[in-house]
Amino acid sequence: MTRLPLQRTRFDRLQRRLGDQLLGGVRGSWRRRSLSVLALLLGFYGGENVTALWLERVGQRPVVVLTLVLLLEVVVRVRTRVVREQPGLGWVMADNLRLGLVYAVVLEAFKLGS
């Protein structure tokens, strides 16, 4: 028994687009996948250590958080202006570094209860 091909409806296009976005990090070469995961983990590690170091040196949490938010906003704005289609490996790594950093900062905020 053979499956009939799906019609090209708006719902089908939406499903394909969502599937490509969700599985985009899993597809590709080993080099691309391993560097993406490594960038995500390094972003998390950097977020944990940089926030702790900055909080110890600066001592004012709002200044540290404002600096990180501004830095991340600049990275997002530059990426959206430069990359229009499929991002290259460097931009994927920058995005994963950013995601790891944001996750670490949010996790630290939940741990501190603020």
C-alpha atoms as a PDB file:
ATOM      1  CA  MET A   1       0.000   0.000   0.000  1.00  0.00           C
ATOM      2  CA  THR A   2       1.486   3.332  -1.014  1.00  0.00           C
ATOM      3  CA  ARG A   3       0.934   6.665   0.671  1.00  0.00           C
ATOM      4  CA  LEU A   4      -0.592   9.439  -1.340  1.00  0.00           C
ATOM      5  CA  PRO A   5       1.476  12.602  -1.606  1.00  0.00           C
ATOM      6  CA  LEU A   6       0.313  15.534   0.468  1.00  0.00           C
ATOM      7  CA  GLN A   7      -1.226  18.482  -1.270  1.00  0.00           C
ATOM      8  CA  ARG A   8       0.621  21.786  -1.115  1.00  0.00           C
ATOM      9  CA  THR A   9      -1.718  23.568   1.267  1.00  0.00           C
ATOM     10  CA  ARG A  10      -0.895  26.407   3.616  1.00  0.00           C
ATOM     11  CA  PHE A  11      -1.003  24.014   6.543  1.00  0.00           C
ATOM     12  CA  ASP A  12       1.401  21.651   4.796  1.00  0.00           C
ATOM     13  CA  ARG A  13       3.819  24.523   4.103  1.00  0.00           C
ATOM     14  CA  LEU A  14       3.563  25.608   7.734  1.00  0.00           C
ATOM     15  CA  GLN A  15       4.330  22.072   8.920  1.00  0.00           C
ATOM     16  CA  ARG A  16       7.327  21.798   6.607  1.00  0.00           C
ATOM     17  CA  ARG A  17       8.677  25.183   7.657  1.00  0.00           C
ATOM     18  CA  LEU A  18       8.306  24.367  11.366  1.00  0.00           C
ATOM     19  CA  GLY A  19       9.921  20.965  10.838  1.00  0.00           C
ATOM     20  CA  ASP A  20      12.851  22.560   9.012  1.00  0.00           C
ATOM     21  CA  GLN A  21      13.323  25.083  11.817  1.00  0.00           C
ATOM     22  CA  LEU A  22      13.100  22.473  14.575  1.00  0.00           C
ATOM     23  CA  LEU A  23      15.296  19.911  12.875  1.00  0.00           C
ATOM     24  CA  GLY A  24      17.659  22.416  11.287  1.00  0.00           C
ATOM     25  CA  GLY A  25      20.226  21.972  14.034  1.00  0.00           C
ATOM     26  CA  VAL A  26      20.153  18.184  13.683  1.00  0.00           C
ATOM     27  CA  ARG A  27      20.722  18.133   9.935  1.00  0.00           C
ATOM     28  CA  GLY A  28      24.036  18.806   8.321  1.00  0.00           C
ATOM     29  CA  SER A  29      27.560  17.563   8.723  1.00  0.00           C
ATOM     30  CA  TRP A  30      29.177  16.375  11.933  1.00  0.00           C
ATOM     31  CA  ARG A  31      31.351  19.460  11.931  1.00  0.00           C
ATOM     32  CA  ARG A  32      28.367  21.795  11.833  1.00  0.00           C
ATOM     33  CA  ARG A  33      26.419  19.901  14.496  1.00  0.00           C
ATOM     34  CA  SER A  34      29.329  19.471  16.882  1.00  0.00           C
ATOM     35  CA  LEU A  35      30.400  23.118  16.596  1.00  0.00           C
ATOM     36  CA  SER A  36      26.806  24.227  17.167  1.00  0.00           C
ATOM     37  CA  VAL A  37      26.470  22.166  20.340  1.00  0.00           C
ATOM     38  CA  LEU A  38      29.922  23.232  21.490  1.00  0.00           C
ATOM     39  CA  ALA A  39      29.004  26.900  20.996  1.00  0.00           C
ATOM     40  CA  LEU A  40      25.803  26.395  22.984  1.00  0.00           C
ATOM     41  CA  LEU A  41      27.692  24.797  25.871  1.00  0.00           C
ATOM     42  CA  LEU A  42      30.443  27.426  25.778  1.00  0.00           C
ATOM     43  CA  GLY A  43      27.784  30.128  25.867  1.00  0.00           C
ATOM     44  CA  PHE A  44      26.272  28.538  28.945  1.00  0.00           C
ATOM     45  CA  TYR A  45      29.685  28.162  30.590  1.00  0.00           C
ATOM     46  CA  GLY A  46      30.586  31.737  29.750  1.00  0.00           C
ATOM     47  CA  GLY A  47      27.264  33.009  31.007  1.00  0.00           C
ATOM     48  CA  GLU A  48      27.698  31.272  34.335  1.00  0.00           C
ATOM     49  CA  ASN A  49      31.257  32.478  34.851  1.00  0.00           C
ATOM     50  CA  VAL A  50      31.035  35.955  33.346  1.00  0.00           C
ATOM     51  CA  THR A  51      27.981  36.916  35.354  1.00  0.00           C
ATOM     52  CA  ALA A  52      29.581  35.637  38.555  1.00  0.00           C
ATOM     53  CA  LEU A  53      32.819  37.477  37.787  1.00  0.00           C
ATOM     54  CA  TRP A  54      31.077  40.712  36.828  1.00  0.00           C
ATOM     55  CA  LEU A  55      28.831  40.567  39.871  1.00  0.00           C
ATOM     56  CA  GLU A  56      31.869  40.118  42.077  1.00  0.00           C
ATOM     57  CA  ARG A  57      33.836  42.958  40.477  1.00  0.00           C
ATOM     58  CA  VAL A  58      31.056  45.434  39.735  1.00  0.00           C
ATOM     59  CA  GLY A  59      28.751  44.430  42.549  1.00  0.00           C
ATOM     60  CA  GLN A  60      25.660  45.974  40.989  1.00  0.00           C
ATOM     61  CA  ARG A  61      23.320  43.519  39.367  1.00  0.00           C
ATOM     62  CA  PRO A  62      21.372  46.056  37.229  1.00  0.00           C
ATOM     63  CA  VAL A  63      24.562  47.257  35.542  1.00  0.00           C
ATOM     64  CA  VAL A  64      25.603  43.708  34.683  1.00  0.00           C
ATOM     65  CA  VAL A  65      22.183  42.735  33.374  1.00  0.00           C
ATOM     66  CA  LEU A  66      21.859  45.942  31.335  1.00  0.00           C
ATOM     67  CA  THR A  67      25.270  45.377  29.771  1.00  0.00           C
ATOM     68  CA  LEU A  68      24.427  41.791  28.834  1.00  0.00           C
ATOM     69  CA  VAL A  69      21.032  42.756  27.425  1.00  0.00           C
ATOM     70  CA  LEU A  70      22.554  45.521  25.312  1.00  0.00           C
ATOM     71  CA  LEU A  71      25.297  43.239  24.034  1.00  0.00           C
ATOM     72  CA  LEU A  72      22.810  40.516  23.095  1.00  0.00           C
ATOM     73  CA  GLU A  73      20.490  43.030  21.446  1.00  0.00           C
ATOM     74  CA  VAL A  74      23.351  44.323  19.297  1.00  0.00           C
ATOM     75  CA  VAL A  75      24.203  40.771  18.202  1.00  0.00           C
ATOM     76  CA  VAL A  76      20.571  40.084  17.270  1.00  0.00           C
ATOM     77  CA  ARG A  77      20.224  43.378  15.348  1.00  0.00           C
ATOM     78  CA  VAL A  78      23.441  42.834  13.405  1.00  0.00           C
ATOM     79  CA  ARG A  79      22.453  39.287  12.520  1.00  0.00           C
ATOM     80  CA  THR A  80      19.007  40.246  11.245  1.00  0.00           C
ATOM     81  CA  ARG A  81      20.469  42.974   9.039  1.00  0.00           C
ATOM     82  CA  VAL A  82      23.346  40.929   7.632  1.00  0.00           C
ATOM     83  CA  VAL A  83      21.840  37.450   7.219  1.00  0.00           C
ATOM     84  CA  ARG A  84      18.762  37.203   5.051  1.00  0.00           C
ATOM     85  CA  GLU A  85      18.574  33.525   4.136  1.00  0.00           C
ATOM     86  CA  GLN A  86      20.260  30.417   5.529  1.00  0.00           C
ATOM     87  CA  PRO A  87      22.847  31.531   8.110  1.00  0.00           C
ATOM     88  CA  GLY A  88      26.406  30.326   7.863  1.00  0.00           C
ATOM     89  CA  LEU A  89      28.237  28.336  10.495  1.00  0.00           C
ATOM     90  CA  GLY A  90      29.657  31.441  12.163  1.00  0.00           C
ATOM     91  CA  TRP A  91      26.217  32.969  12.654  1.00  0.00           C
ATOM     92  CA  VAL A  92      24.806  29.691  13.945  1.00  0.00           C
ATOM     93  CA  MET A  93      27.627  29.533  16.468  1.00  0.00           C
ATOM     94  CA  ALA A  94      27.020  33.175  17.472  1.00  0.00           C
ATOM     95  CA  ASP A  95      23.322  32.414  17.947  1.00  0.00           C
ATOM     96  CA  ASN A  96      24.079  29.353  20.049  1.00  0.00           C
ATOM     97  CA  LEU A  97      26.560  31.300  22.168  1.00  0.00           C
ATOM     98  CA  ARG A  98      23.849  33.896  22.708  1.00  0.00           C
ATOM     99  CA  LEU A  99      21.242  31.275  23.591  1.00  0.00           C
ATOM    100  CA  GLY A 100      23.581  29.573  26.066  1.00  0.00           C
ATOM    101  CA  LEU A 101      24.430  32.904  27.670  1.00  0.00           C
ATOM    102  CA  VAL A 102      20.773  33.898  28.018  1.00  0.00           C
ATOM    103  CA  TYR A 103      19.882  30.503  29.472  1.00  0.00           C
ATOM    104  CA  ALA A 104      22.692  30.781  32.033  1.00  0.00           C
ATOM    105  CA  VAL A 105      21.635  34.283  33.086  1.00  0.00           C
ATOM    106  CA  VAL A 106      17.976  33.293  33.415  1.00  0.00           C
ATOM    107  CA  LEU A 107      18.900  30.159  35.350  1.00  0.00           C
ATOM    108  CA  GLU A 108      21.098  32.224  37.671  1.00  0.00           C
ATOM    109  CA  ALA A 109      18.212  34.641  38.237  1.00  0.00           C
ATOM    110  CA  PHE A 110      15.914  31.776  39.186  1.00  0.00           C
ATOM    111  CA  LYS A 111      18.526  30.342  41.514  1.00  0.00           C
ATOM    112  CA  LEU A 112      18.924  33.663  43.265  1.00  0.00           C
ATOM    113  CA  GLY A 113      15.186  34.187  43.446  1.00  0.00           C
ATOM    114  CA  SER A 114      15.140  37.576  41.792  1.00  0.00           C
END
